Amino acid sequence: MATTLRSIVRRLSCLLILLLGLLQSPPSVHPSMTEDRIEEGLRQNNYFNKICFPSADGLSPTYRQNMEELFGYLVDSIPIMGFSNTSVGKSTDTIYGLAQCRGDIPGDICRNCTAAAVERVKIECPSNSSAIIWFEACFLRYSSKRFFGIFERTFPIVWTDNSKIFTESDGKEWVYPLVNEAADNWKRFAIMIEPKGGYTSYSLAQCTTDLSSADCSACFQYAIKEIGKHHTLGLVWRFVCPSCIILHYAWPFFLTSP
């Protein structure tokens, strides 16, 4: 009986060690990910995060009507340039809105993602006069206050997996060339592919197109500072804020073909 009990304990110990190893392992990478598979994934309209800002007095019927008109305009106009902003209404019922897709996203995926973001934000923030929502391929923001062309040093979100193989000092080798290229590009967008020790990193940086090059650069400096607060990062991590994003993966996730 004692021998059987020891055998069971030994097997359970081995199983526990195996489970701990799996939990601590980095996510599997996909070095052979093709453009078609990446595009297929982008068409899934994967949701990432949102911020709903409280509305003290609720939404007036006129503001809600203006919001619907704004959403319709953004969805219809965004495929042209991958970016659109406008305002609808007058006085206290004016609503300002902006939609943007990643710089590698085709027009049809861009439109569908923006439409999905509109529907999701209606569910997530049903009574909010201002909100921000991020999807994998696009971004939507609206507010009762004008925010166009303004770099906002607020509401940073840093997400990372648990593999803990990427340190703050590692990032300095590539992040500055990446963000400098994005800030200088008229689309405020750049991608970078770089071989590492045991894997290849795929990184993307983008500001909202309405920002100046200087403000875009300032947003990236803010991002680097916020990312630096996480002394270790995993194979996959994301930084997003209202004015810019930086994404890092250990496998292909963006499109490189026009």
Protein backbone atom coordinates (compact mmCIF):
# COMPACT_ATOMS: atom_id res chain seq x y z
CA MET A 1 0.00 0.00 0.00
CA ALA A 2 2.83 2.40 0.93
CA THR A 3 4.62 1.55 -2.31
CA THR A 4 1.49 2.28 -4.33
CA LEU A 5 1.01 5.59 -2.52
CA ARG A 6 4.62 6.63 -3.17
CA SER A 7 4.17 5.73 -6.84
CA ILE A 8 1.05 7.88 -7.09
CA VAL A 9 2.78 10.82 -5.38
CA ARG A 10 5.78 10.48 -7.70
CA ARG A 11 3.53 10.50 -10.78
CA LEU A 12 1.61 13.51 -9.51
CA SER A 13 4.90 15.35 -8.88
CA CYS A 14 6.06 14.66 -12.42
CA LEU A 15 2.72 15.85 -13.78
CA LEU A 16 2.94 19.05 -11.71
CA ILE A 17 6.45 19.78 -13.02
CA LEU A 18 5.25 19.23 -16.59
CA LEU A 19 2.28 21.57 -16.11
CA LEU A 20 4.48 24.28 -14.60
CA GLY A 21 6.83 23.98 -17.55
CA LEU A 22 3.97 24.42 -19.98
CA LEU A 23 2.68 27.47 -18.12
CA GLN A 24 6.12 29.10 -18.15
CA SER A 25 6.89 28.30 -21.80
CA PRO A 26 6.65 31.13 -24.35
CA PRO A 27 3.81 30.96 -26.86
CA SER A 28 4.51 28.94 -29.99
CA VAL A 29 5.86 31.01 -32.86
CA HIS A 30 4.73 30.80 -36.45
CA PRO A 31 7.74 31.52 -38.69
CA SER A 32 5.98 30.07 -41.74
CA MET A 33 2.89 32.29 -41.42
CA THR A 34 1.96 33.28 -44.97
CA GLU A 35 0.47 36.54 -46.17
CA ASP A 36 -2.78 34.73 -46.93
CA ARG A 37 -3.01 33.35 -43.39
CA ILE A 38 -2.18 36.75 -41.91
CA GLU A 39 -4.88 38.38 -44.03
CA GLU A 40 -7.35 35.67 -43.03
CA GLY A 41 -6.60 36.38 -39.38
CA LEU A 42 -7.04 40.12 -39.86
CA ARG A 43 -10.47 39.50 -41.36
CA GLN A 44 -11.57 38.03 -38.02
CA ASN A 45 -11.82 41.58 -36.58
CA ASN A 46 -10.16 40.64 -33.30
CA TYR A 47 -10.97 43.01 -30.45
CA PHE A 48 -8.16 44.17 -28.14
CA ASN A 49 -9.27 46.78 -25.60
CA LYS A 50 -11.45 49.82 -24.94
CA ILE A 51 -11.86 52.85 -22.70
CA CYS A 52 -15.34 54.25 -21.98
CA PHE A 53 -15.33 57.74 -20.50
CA PRO A 54 -18.18 58.55 -18.10
CA SER A 55 -20.86 61.01 -19.18
CA ALA A 56 -22.16 63.16 -16.34
CA ASP A 57 -25.46 64.08 -17.96
CA GLY A 58 -26.01 61.10 -20.23
CA LEU A 59 -26.53 61.41 -23.98
CA SER A 60 -29.16 63.68 -25.48
CA PRO A 61 -31.25 62.33 -28.38
CA THR A 62 -29.54 64.82 -30.70
CA TYR A 63 -26.08 63.66 -29.60
CA ARG A 64 -27.05 60.04 -30.21
CA GLN A 65 -28.31 60.94 -33.66
CA ASN A 66 -25.08 62.80 -34.41
CA MET A 67 -23.11 59.80 -33.17
CA GLU A 68 -24.87 57.50 -35.63
CA GLU A 69 -24.19 59.95 -38.46
CA LEU A 70 -20.54 60.14 -37.41
CA PHE A 71 -20.17 56.36 -37.34
CA GLY A 72 -21.70 56.02 -40.80
CA TYR A 73 -19.35 58.62 -42.25
CA LEU A 74 -16.23 57.05 -40.72
CA VAL A 75 -17.10 53.55 -41.94
CA ASP A 76 -17.84 54.75 -45.48
CA SER A 77 -14.85 57.08 -45.84
CA ILE A 78 -12.04 55.17 -44.16
CA PRO A 79 -11.19 52.70 -46.99
CA ILE A 80 -9.86 55.56 -49.15
CA MET A 81 -6.84 56.48 -47.01
CA GLY A 82 -7.08 54.17 -44.01
CA PHE A 83 -7.78 57.23 -41.88
CA SER A 84 -10.78 59.49 -41.42
CA ASN A 85 -11.86 62.16 -38.97
CA THR A 86 -14.74 64.60 -38.84
CA SER A 87 -17.24 66.28 -36.54
CA VAL A 88 -21.03 66.26 -36.58
CA GLY A 89 -23.46 68.64 -34.88
CA LYS A 90 -23.41 72.04 -33.25
CA SER A 91 -22.76 73.51 -29.83
CA THR A 92 -23.01 71.04 -26.92
CA ASP A 93 -24.25 68.27 -29.21
CA THR A 94 -21.13 68.27 -31.38
CA ILE A 95 -19.31 64.95 -31.57
CA TYR A 96 -15.76 64.51 -32.91
CA GLY A 97 -14.66 61.19 -34.31
CA LEU A 98 -11.58 59.52 -35.75
CA ALA A 99 -11.00 56.08 -37.23
CA GLN A 100 -7.70 54.64 -38.40
CA CYS A 101 -6.46 51.31 -39.68
CA ARG A 102 -2.95 49.93 -39.49
CA GLY A 103 -0.85 51.06 -42.41
CA ASP A 104 -0.59 47.56 -43.87
CA ILE A 105 -4.35 46.91 -43.99
CA PRO A 106 -6.23 46.73 -47.35
CA GLY A 107 -9.27 48.94 -47.79
CA ASP A 108 -11.91 46.21 -47.52
CA ILE A 109 -10.49 44.80 -44.28
CA CYS A 110 -10.14 48.35 -42.99
CA ARG A 111 -13.79 49.13 -43.61
CA ASN A 112 -15.00 45.86 -42.09
CA CYS A 113 -12.82 46.34 -39.01
CA THR A 114 -14.11 49.88 -38.52
CA ALA A 115 -17.70 48.69 -38.87
CA ALA A 116 -17.00 45.97 -36.29
CA ALA A 117 -15.45 48.54 -33.96
CA VAL A 118 -18.55 50.71 -34.26
CA GLU A 119 -20.85 47.82 -33.36
CA ARG A 120 -18.62 46.70 -30.48
CA VAL A 121 -18.30 50.17 -28.95
CA LYS A 122 -22.09 50.53 -28.98
CA ILE A 123 -22.20 47.45 -26.77
CA GLU A 124 -19.20 48.25 -24.58
CA CYS A 125 -19.92 51.97 -24.10
CA PRO A 126 -23.67 52.38 -24.73
CA SER A 127 -24.18 55.59 -22.73
CA ASN A 128 -20.78 57.25 -23.03
CA SER A 129 -20.23 60.49 -24.91
CA SER A 130 -16.54 59.64 -25.39
CA ALA A 131 -14.80 56.33 -25.97
CA ILE A 132 -11.77 54.65 -27.55
CA ILE A 133 -11.69 51.11 -28.88
CA TRP A 134 -8.80 49.13 -30.35
CA PHE A 135 -9.03 46.14 -32.66
CA GLU A 136 -6.13 44.18 -34.14
CA ALA A 137 -6.43 46.03 -37.45
CA CYS A 138 -8.11 49.32 -36.58
CA PHE A 139 -8.85 51.96 -33.99
CA LEU A 140 -11.91 54.12 -33.30
CA ARG A 141 -12.24 57.17 -31.10
CA TYR A 142 -14.99 59.72 -30.50
CA SER A 143 -15.51 62.51 -28.01
CA SER A 144 -17.63 65.53 -27.16
CA LYS A 145 -14.36 67.52 -27.11
CA ARG A 146 -12.16 68.26 -30.10
CA PHE A 147 -8.97 66.16 -30.04
CA PHE A 148 -7.74 66.25 -33.64
CA GLY A 149 -4.01 66.85 -34.04
CA ILE A 150 -3.35 66.69 -30.30
CA PHE A 151 -0.88 64.26 -28.73
CA GLU A 152 -2.43 62.89 -25.55
CA ARG A 153 -0.09 61.62 -22.86
CA THR A 154 -2.84 59.59 -21.19
CA PHE A 155 -4.41 56.16 -20.78
CA PRO A 156 -1.45 53.95 -21.76
CA ILE A 157 -2.10 50.21 -22.00
CA VAL A 158 0.86 47.79 -22.00
CA TRP A 159 0.12 44.10 -22.44
CA THR A 160 2.69 41.31 -22.51
CA ASP A 161 2.68 37.52 -22.32
CA ASN A 162 4.47 35.66 -19.54
CA SER A 163 7.54 34.35 -21.35
CA LYS A 164 9.81 37.09 -19.89
CA ILE A 165 12.65 36.81 -22.36
CA PHE A 166 12.81 40.39 -23.60
CA THR A 167 14.38 43.05 -21.36
CA GLU A 168 14.19 46.84 -21.54
CA SER A 169 17.79 47.10 -22.78
CA ASP A 170 17.10 44.61 -25.60
CA GLY A 171 14.44 46.88 -27.03
CA LYS A 172 16.71 49.88 -27.50
CA GLU A 173 18.54 48.07 -30.31
CA TRP A 174 15.56 48.28 -32.64
CA VAL A 175 12.82 50.50 -31.22
CA TYR A 176 14.41 53.86 -32.02
CA PRO A 177 14.97 53.20 -35.75
CA LEU A 178 11.43 51.82 -35.94
CA VAL A 179 9.69 54.78 -34.31
CA ASN A 180 11.90 57.33 -36.09
CA GLU A 181 10.90 55.86 -39.43
CA ALA A 182 7.23 55.92 -38.46
CA ALA A 183 7.34 59.54 -37.28
CA ASP A 184 8.97 60.64 -40.55
CA ASN A 185 6.55 58.69 -42.76
CA TRP A 186 3.49 60.61 -43.99
CA LYS A 187 1.31 57.71 -42.85
CA ARG A 188 3.05 57.84 -39.44
CA PHE A 189 3.62 54.10 -39.86
CA ALA A 190 6.55 51.69 -40.02
CA ILE A 191 7.28 47.97 -39.72
CA MET A 192 10.50 46.15 -38.90
CA ILE A 193 11.68 42.54 -39.14
CA GLU A 194 14.83 41.70 -37.19
CA PRO A 195 16.53 38.36 -36.42
CA LYS A 196 17.17 37.84 -32.71
CA GLY A 197 19.23 35.18 -30.94
CA GLY A 198 16.67 32.40 -31.08
CA TYR A 199 13.83 33.92 -33.07
CA THR A 200 12.86 36.73 -35.46
CA SER A 201 11.00 39.75 -34.12
CA TYR A 202 8.23 41.49 -36.06
CA SER A 203 7.43 45.01 -34.90
CA LEU A 204 5.03 47.76 -35.95
CA ALA A 205 4.74 51.40 -34.88
CA GLN A 206 2.03 53.90 -35.83
CA CYS A 207 0.65 57.27 -34.77
CA THR A 208 -2.69 58.72 -35.72
CA THR A 209 -2.19 60.40 -39.08
CA ASP A 210 -3.46 63.77 -37.85
CA LEU A 211 -0.39 64.21 -35.60
CA SER A 212 2.63 66.21 -36.71
CA SER A 213 5.95 64.39 -37.05
CA ALA A 214 7.16 66.06 -33.84
CA ASP A 215 4.07 65.06 -31.86
CA CYS A 216 4.25 61.53 -33.25
CA SER A 217 7.87 61.29 -32.12
CA ALA A 218 6.86 62.61 -28.69
CA CYS A 219 4.18 59.94 -28.42
CA PHE A 220 6.70 57.22 -29.18
CA GLN A 221 9.07 58.59 -26.54
CA TYR A 222 6.17 58.43 -24.10
CA ALA A 223 5.50 54.84 -25.22
CA ILE A 224 9.13 53.82 -24.69
CA LYS A 225 9.03 55.28 -21.19
CA GLU A 226 5.84 53.39 -20.33
CA ILE A 227 7.18 50.17 -21.83
CA GLY A 228 10.36 50.65 -19.79
CA LYS A 229 8.33 50.35 -16.60
CA HIS A 230 7.94 46.68 -17.49
CA HIS A 231 11.47 45.43 -16.81
CA THR A 232 10.83 42.20 -18.70
CA LEU A 233 8.59 41.65 -21.69
CA GLY A 234 7.49 38.49 -23.44
CA LEU A 235 7.69 37.29 -27.01
CA VAL A 236 4.46 39.18 -27.63
CA TRP A 237 3.67 42.63 -26.27
CA ARG A 238 1.61 45.65 -27.22
CA PHE A 239 1.55 49.30 -26.27
CA VAL A 240 -1.49 51.39 -27.15
CA CYS A 241 -2.62 54.87 -26.19
CA PRO A 242 -4.95 57.39 -27.85
CA SER A 243 -2.20 58.77 -30.10
CA CYS A 244 0.13 55.88 -31.01
CA ILE A 245 0.79 52.14 -30.85
CA ILE A 246 3.84 49.86 -30.84
CA LEU A 247 3.36 46.12 -31.39
CA HIS A 248 5.97 43.35 -31.07
CA TYR A 249 5.47 39.71 -32.02
CA ALA A 250 7.75 36.70 -32.48
CA TRP A 251 6.03 35.72 -35.73
CA PRO A 252 4.69 37.52 -38.82
CA PHE A 253 1.48 39.43 -38.11
CA PHE A 254 1.49 42.29 -40.64
CA LEU A 255 1.16 42.37 -44.41
CA THR A 256 4.22 43.32 -46.45
CA SER A 257 2.68 43.09 -49.94
CA PRO A 258 0.79 46.12 -51.30
